[in-house]
């Protein structure tokens, strides 16, 4: 599978930003759908698929990672809503929240590397 990540240059600040597809969560080995199922406990098909083959420590780390970022992500969404007048719900799917934060260039790049559960 090939994923194209667009690089965009901001006309205001001159920096290059990368547009993240909604299937990816930065610095994670699993797709956004799998991570959503783990952190949300969603069990649509009667099983979690890939999560069944994961080690319990991996599942625990993903849940701790999400719980530790949730307040920050909600704050960023509120700021984006106020700044751009766009309605972004905190109740959105995790992949939508992550994509909004990453594409606004407000993602904490090294934070997840230092979290352990």
N, C-alpha and C. Protein backbone atom coordinates (compact mmCIF):
# COMPACT_ATOMS: atom_id res chain seq x y z
N UNK A 1 0.84 -1.17 0.00
CA UNK A 1 0.00 0.00 0.00
C UNK A 1 0.90 1.25 0.00
N UNK A 2 0.59 2.19 -0.85
CA UNK A 2 1.31 3.44 -0.92
C UNK A 2 0.42 4.56 -0.41
N UNK A 3 0.97 5.35 0.49
CA UNK A 3 0.22 6.48 1.03
C UNK A 3 0.92 7.75 0.62
N UNK A 4 0.17 8.66 0.05
CA UNK A 4 0.72 9.94 -0.38
C UNK A 4 0.44 10.98 0.69
N UNK A 5 1.51 11.59 1.19
CA UNK A 5 1.38 12.64 2.19
C UNK A 5 1.74 13.96 1.50
N UNK A 6 0.75 14.83 1.42
CA UNK A 6 0.97 16.11 0.74
C UNK A 6 1.81 17.03 1.60
N UNK A 7 2.72 17.74 0.93
CA UNK A 7 3.53 18.76 1.60
C UNK A 7 3.04 20.11 1.11
N UNK A 8 2.70 20.98 2.04
CA UNK A 8 2.14 22.28 1.70
C UNK A 8 2.98 23.38 2.34
N UNK A 9 3.27 24.44 1.59
CA UNK A 9 4.01 25.57 2.14
C UNK A 9 3.02 26.65 2.53
N UNK A 10 3.10 27.10 3.78
CA UNK A 10 2.21 28.14 4.30
C UNK A 10 2.62 29.49 3.72
N UNK A 11 1.65 30.21 3.18
CA UNK A 11 1.94 31.52 2.61
C UNK A 11 2.24 32.56 3.69
N UNK A 12 1.73 32.32 4.92
CA UNK A 12 1.95 33.27 6.00
C UNK A 12 3.31 33.08 6.67
N UNK A 13 3.61 31.84 7.07
CA UNK A 13 4.84 31.61 7.84
C UNK A 13 5.98 31.07 6.99
N UNK A 14 5.68 30.57 5.78
CA UNK A 14 6.71 30.06 4.89
C UNK A 14 7.17 28.65 5.21
N UNK A 15 6.64 28.04 6.25
CA UNK A 15 7.04 26.69 6.64
C UNK A 15 6.31 25.64 5.81
N UNK A 16 6.92 24.47 5.71
CA UNK A 16 6.29 23.35 5.01
C UNK A 16 5.55 22.50 6.04
N UNK A 17 4.30 22.18 5.73
CA UNK A 17 3.47 21.35 6.60
C UNK A 17 3.08 20.09 5.83
N UNK A 18 2.89 19.01 6.54
CA UNK A 18 2.48 17.74 5.93
C UNK A 18 1.02 17.49 6.27
N UNK A 19 0.26 17.11 5.26
CA UNK A 19 -1.16 16.81 5.47
C UNK A 19 -1.31 15.32 5.73
N UNK A 20 -1.81 15.00 6.89
CA UNK A 20 -1.91 13.61 7.32
C UNK A 20 -3.21 12.97 6.86
N UNK A 21 -3.15 11.80 6.21
CA UNK A 21 -4.38 11.07 5.88
C UNK A 21 -5.03 10.56 7.17
N UNK A 22 -6.33 10.36 7.15
CA UNK A 22 -7.03 9.95 8.38
C UNK A 22 -6.79 8.49 8.77
N UNK A 23 -6.08 7.73 7.97
CA UNK A 23 -5.80 6.33 8.31
C UNK A 23 -4.55 6.19 9.18
N UNK A 24 -3.83 7.30 9.39
CA UNK A 24 -2.55 7.25 10.08
C UNK A 24 -2.60 8.05 11.37
N UNK A 25 -1.95 7.53 12.40
CA UNK A 25 -1.69 8.28 13.62
C UNK A 25 -0.17 8.31 13.75
N UNK A 26 0.41 9.51 13.86
CA UNK A 26 1.87 9.61 13.87
C UNK A 26 2.53 8.76 14.95
N UNK A 27 3.64 8.14 14.57
CA UNK A 27 4.47 7.37 15.49
C UNK A 27 3.80 6.13 16.06
N UNK A 28 2.77 5.65 15.41
CA UNK A 28 2.10 4.43 15.85
C UNK A 28 2.24 3.37 14.78
N UNK A 29 2.34 2.12 15.19
CA UNK A 29 2.52 1.00 14.26
C UNK A 29 1.21 0.46 13.72
N UNK A 30 0.11 0.81 14.36
CA UNK A 30 -1.18 0.28 13.95
C UNK A 30 -1.99 1.38 13.29
N UNK A 31 -2.91 0.97 12.41
CA UNK A 31 -3.75 1.95 11.71
C UNK A 31 -4.71 2.62 12.69
N UNK A 32 -5.25 3.74 12.28
CA UNK A 32 -6.15 4.52 13.13
C UNK A 32 -7.38 3.71 13.54
N UNK A 33 -7.89 2.88 12.64
CA UNK A 33 -9.08 2.08 12.94
C UNK A 33 -8.81 1.11 14.09
N UNK A 34 -7.66 0.45 14.06
CA UNK A 34 -7.31 -0.49 15.12
C UNK A 34 -7.14 0.23 16.45
N UNK A 35 -6.46 1.38 16.42
CA UNK A 35 -6.24 2.16 17.64
C UNK A 35 -7.57 2.64 18.20
N UNK A 36 -8.49 3.07 17.33
CA UNK A 36 -9.81 3.50 17.79
C UNK A 36 -10.55 2.37 18.49
N UNK A 37 -10.47 1.18 17.93
CA UNK A 37 -11.15 0.03 18.55
C UNK A 37 -10.56 -0.26 19.93
N UNK A 38 -9.27 -0.12 20.06
CA UNK A 38 -8.62 -0.42 21.34
C UNK A 38 -8.96 0.64 22.38
N UNK A 39 -8.79 1.91 22.04
CA UNK A 39 -8.99 2.95 23.05
C UNK A 39 -10.47 3.18 23.35
N UNK A 40 -11.33 2.85 22.39
CA UNK A 40 -12.76 3.04 22.62
C UNK A 40 -13.47 1.80 23.09
N UNK A 41 -12.78 0.66 23.02
CA UNK A 41 -13.39 -0.59 23.42
C UNK A 41 -14.48 -1.02 22.45
N UNK A 42 -14.48 -0.46 21.24
CA UNK A 42 -15.50 -0.81 20.24
C UNK A 42 -15.30 -2.26 19.80
N UNK A 43 -16.34 -2.99 19.81
CA UNK A 43 -16.29 -4.41 19.48
C UNK A 43 -17.40 -4.72 18.49
N UNK A 44 -17.37 -4.04 17.32
CA UNK A 44 -18.45 -4.14 16.34
C UNK A 44 -18.66 -5.56 15.81
N UNK A 45 -17.58 -6.29 15.59
CA UNK A 45 -17.69 -7.59 14.96
C UNK A 45 -17.59 -8.73 15.96
N UNK A 46 -17.69 -8.43 17.24
CA UNK A 46 -17.57 -9.48 18.24
C UNK A 46 -16.13 -9.76 18.61
N UNK A 47 -15.18 -9.07 17.96
CA UNK A 47 -13.76 -9.20 18.30
C UNK A 47 -13.04 -7.95 17.82
N UNK A 48 -11.83 -7.77 18.27
CA UNK A 48 -11.06 -6.59 17.89
C UNK A 48 -10.08 -6.87 16.75
N UNK A 49 -10.14 -8.03 16.14
CA UNK A 49 -9.27 -8.33 15.01
C UNK A 49 -7.81 -8.35 15.40
N UNK A 50 -7.07 -7.36 14.95
CA UNK A 50 -5.63 -7.27 15.22
C UNK A 50 -5.36 -7.22 16.71
N UNK A 51 -6.23 -6.53 17.44
CA UNK A 51 -6.02 -6.38 18.88
C UNK A 51 -6.00 -7.73 19.60
N UNK A 52 -6.65 -8.74 19.05
CA UNK A 52 -6.62 -10.06 19.66
C UNK A 52 -5.22 -10.64 19.65
N UNK A 53 -4.42 -10.23 18.66
CA UNK A 53 -3.07 -10.76 18.53
C UNK A 53 -2.02 -9.85 19.18
N UNK A 54 -2.46 -8.72 19.74
CA UNK A 54 -1.53 -7.81 20.39
C UNK A 54 -1.24 -8.27 21.81
N UNK A 55 -0.08 -7.88 22.28
CA UNK A 55 0.24 -8.15 23.67
C UNK A 55 -0.57 -7.20 24.54
N UNK A 56 -0.91 -7.64 25.73
CA UNK A 56 -1.69 -6.81 26.64
C UNK A 56 -0.96 -5.52 26.98
N UNK A 57 0.38 -5.57 27.04
CA UNK A 57 1.15 -4.36 27.35
C UNK A 57 1.00 -3.32 26.24
N UNK A 58 0.90 -3.75 24.99
CA UNK A 58 0.71 -2.83 23.87
C UNK A 58 -0.66 -2.17 23.97
N UNK A 59 -1.67 -2.96 24.27
CA UNK A 59 -3.02 -2.42 24.42
C UNK A 59 -3.05 -1.42 25.57
N UNK A 60 -2.42 -1.77 26.68
CA UNK A 60 -2.38 -0.87 27.84
C UNK A 60 -1.66 0.43 27.50
N UNK A 61 -0.52 0.36 26.79
CA UNK A 61 0.22 1.56 26.41
C UNK A 61 -0.60 2.47 25.50
N UNK A 62 -1.34 1.88 24.57
CA UNK A 62 -2.18 2.70 23.67
C UNK A 62 -3.27 3.41 24.46
N UNK A 63 -3.87 2.72 25.43
CA UNK A 63 -4.92 3.35 26.25
C UNK A 63 -4.34 4.46 27.12
N UNK A 64 -3.17 4.23 27.70
CA UNK A 64 -2.51 5.25 28.53
C UNK A 64 -2.11 6.44 27.66
N UNK A 65 -1.58 6.17 26.48
CA UNK A 65 -1.18 7.23 25.54
C UNK A 65 -2.38 8.12 25.22
N UNK A 66 -3.51 7.50 24.89
CA UNK A 66 -4.70 8.27 24.53
C UNK A 66 -5.22 9.08 25.73
N UNK A 67 -5.29 8.45 26.88
CA UNK A 67 -5.79 9.13 28.08
C UNK A 67 -4.91 10.33 28.44
N UNK A 68 -3.61 10.20 28.25
CA UNK A 68 -2.70 11.29 28.60
C UNK A 68 -2.78 12.45 27.60
N UNK A 69 -3.18 12.18 26.37
CA UNK A 69 -3.27 13.23 25.35
C UNK A 69 -4.65 13.86 25.24
N UNK A 70 -5.65 13.23 25.79
CA UNK A 70 -7.03 13.65 25.58
C UNK A 70 -7.29 15.11 25.95
N UNK A 71 -6.83 15.56 27.09
CA UNK A 71 -7.06 16.94 27.52
C UNK A 71 -6.40 17.92 26.57
N UNK A 72 -5.17 17.62 26.17
CA UNK A 72 -4.46 18.49 25.22
C UNK A 72 -5.21 18.56 23.89
N UNK A 73 -5.63 17.40 23.38
CA UNK A 73 -6.33 17.36 22.09
C UNK A 73 -7.65 18.13 22.15
N UNK A 74 -8.39 17.98 23.25
CA UNK A 74 -9.64 18.72 23.40
C UNK A 74 -9.39 20.22 23.42
N UNK A 75 -8.32 20.64 24.10
CA UNK A 75 -7.98 22.06 24.15
C UNK A 75 -7.63 22.60 22.77
N UNK A 76 -6.89 21.82 22.01
CA UNK A 76 -6.53 22.24 20.65
C UNK A 76 -7.78 22.36 19.79
N UNK A 77 -8.71 21.40 19.90
CA UNK A 77 -9.94 21.47 19.12
C UNK A 77 -10.75 22.71 19.47
N UNK A 78 -10.82 23.04 20.76
CA UNK A 78 -11.54 24.25 21.16
C UNK A 78 -10.88 25.49 20.57
N UNK A 79 -9.55 25.55 20.60
CA UNK A 79 -8.82 26.69 20.03
C UNK A 79 -9.06 26.80 18.52
N UNK A 80 -9.02 25.66 17.83
CA UNK A 80 -9.26 25.68 16.38
C UNK A 80 -10.67 26.14 16.07
N UNK A 81 -11.63 25.70 16.87
CA UNK A 81 -13.03 26.11 16.68
C UNK A 81 -13.17 27.62 16.83
N UNK A 82 -12.54 28.17 17.88
CA UNK A 82 -12.63 29.62 18.11
C UNK A 82 -11.88 30.41 17.04
N UNK A 83 -10.69 29.93 16.68
CA UNK A 83 -9.85 30.67 15.74
C UNK A 83 -10.44 30.70 14.34
N UNK A 84 -10.96 29.57 13.87
CA UNK A 84 -11.44 29.47 12.49
C UNK A 84 -12.95 29.46 12.37
N UNK A 85 -13.65 29.47 13.49
CA UNK A 85 -15.11 29.46 13.43
C UNK A 85 -15.68 28.17 12.87
N UNK A 86 -14.91 27.09 12.99
CA UNK A 86 -15.34 25.79 12.49
C UNK A 86 -15.80 24.95 13.67
N UNK A 87 -16.89 24.27 13.50
CA UNK A 87 -17.41 23.43 14.57
C UNK A 87 -16.71 22.07 14.54
N UNK A 88 -15.89 21.82 15.55
CA UNK A 88 -15.19 20.54 15.68
C UNK A 88 -15.60 19.95 17.02
N UNK A 89 -16.17 18.79 16.98
CA UNK A 89 -16.69 18.18 18.20
C UNK A 89 -15.63 17.36 18.91
N UNK A 90 -15.58 17.48 20.22
CA UNK A 90 -14.68 16.67 21.03
C UNK A 90 -15.13 15.22 21.00
N UNK A 91 -16.37 14.99 20.64
CA UNK A 91 -16.91 13.63 20.55
C UNK A 91 -16.60 12.96 19.21
N UNK A 92 -15.81 13.64 18.37
CA UNK A 92 -15.43 13.07 17.07
C UNK A 92 -14.61 11.81 17.28
N UNK A 93 -14.48 11.03 16.20
CA UNK A 93 -13.65 9.83 16.25
C UNK A 93 -12.20 10.24 16.49
N UNK A 94 -11.45 9.43 17.22
CA UNK A 94 -10.05 9.76 17.50
C UNK A 94 -9.24 10.10 16.24
N UNK A 95 -9.47 9.39 15.14
CA UNK A 95 -8.69 9.68 13.92
C UNK A 95 -8.99 11.09 13.41
N UNK A 96 -10.23 11.56 13.56
CA UNK A 96 -10.58 12.91 13.13
C UNK A 96 -9.94 13.96 14.03
N UNK A 97 -9.91 13.67 15.32
CA UNK A 97 -9.29 14.58 16.27
C UNK A 97 -7.79 14.68 15.99
N UNK A 98 -7.14 13.52 15.83
CA UNK A 98 -5.70 13.50 15.56
C UNK A 98 -5.40 14.22 14.26
N UNK A 99 -6.18 13.96 13.23
CA UNK A 99 -5.94 14.60 11.93
C UNK A 99 -6.05 16.12 12.04
N UNK A 100 -7.05 16.62 12.75
CA UNK A 100 -7.21 18.07 12.91
C UNK A 100 -6.02 18.67 13.64
N UNK A 101 -5.55 18.01 14.67
CA UNK A 101 -4.42 18.52 15.46
C UNK A 101 -3.13 18.46 14.64
N UNK A 102 -2.89 17.35 13.97
CA UNK A 102 -1.67 17.20 13.16
C UNK A 102 -1.66 18.21 12.02
N UNK A 103 -2.78 18.31 11.30
CA UNK A 103 -2.82 19.19 10.14
C UNK A 103 -2.81 20.67 10.52
N UNK A 104 -3.06 20.98 11.79
CA UNK A 104 -2.95 22.36 12.25
C UNK A 104 -1.55 22.64 12.79
N UNK A 105 -0.67 21.65 12.68
CA UNK A 105 0.72 21.75 13.11
C UNK A 105 0.86 21.91 14.63
N UNK A 106 -0.05 21.29 15.38
CA UNK A 106 -0.03 21.38 16.84
C UNK A 106 0.18 20.02 17.51
N UNK A 107 0.65 19.04 16.75
CA UNK A 107 0.89 17.71 17.28
C UNK A 107 2.16 17.72 18.11
N UNK A 108 2.14 17.06 19.26
CA UNK A 108 3.33 16.92 20.10
C UNK A 108 4.16 15.78 19.53
N UNK A 109 5.24 16.10 18.87
CA UNK A 109 5.99 15.09 18.10
C UNK A 109 6.70 14.04 18.92
N UNK A 110 7.24 14.38 20.08
CA UNK A 110 8.02 13.41 20.81
C UNK A 110 7.31 12.86 22.03
N UNK A 111 6.16 13.38 22.36
CA UNK A 111 5.49 12.99 23.60
C UNK A 111 5.20 11.51 23.67
N UNK A 112 4.70 10.92 22.60
CA UNK A 112 4.32 9.50 22.64
C UNK A 112 5.53 8.59 22.80
N UNK A 113 6.71 9.04 22.41
CA UNK A 113 7.89 8.21 22.52
C UNK A 113 8.32 8.01 23.97
N UNK A 114 7.93 8.92 24.84
CA UNK A 114 8.36 8.86 26.23
C UNK A 114 7.29 8.29 27.17
N UNK A 115 6.13 8.00 26.64
CA UNK A 115 5.08 7.43 27.49
C UNK A 115 5.24 5.93 27.58
N UNK A 116 5.16 5.42 28.75
CA UNK A 116 5.15 3.97 28.90
C UNK A 116 4.14 3.61 29.98
N UNK A 117 3.61 2.46 29.86
CA UNK A 117 2.55 2.12 30.81
C UNK A 117 2.87 0.98 31.70
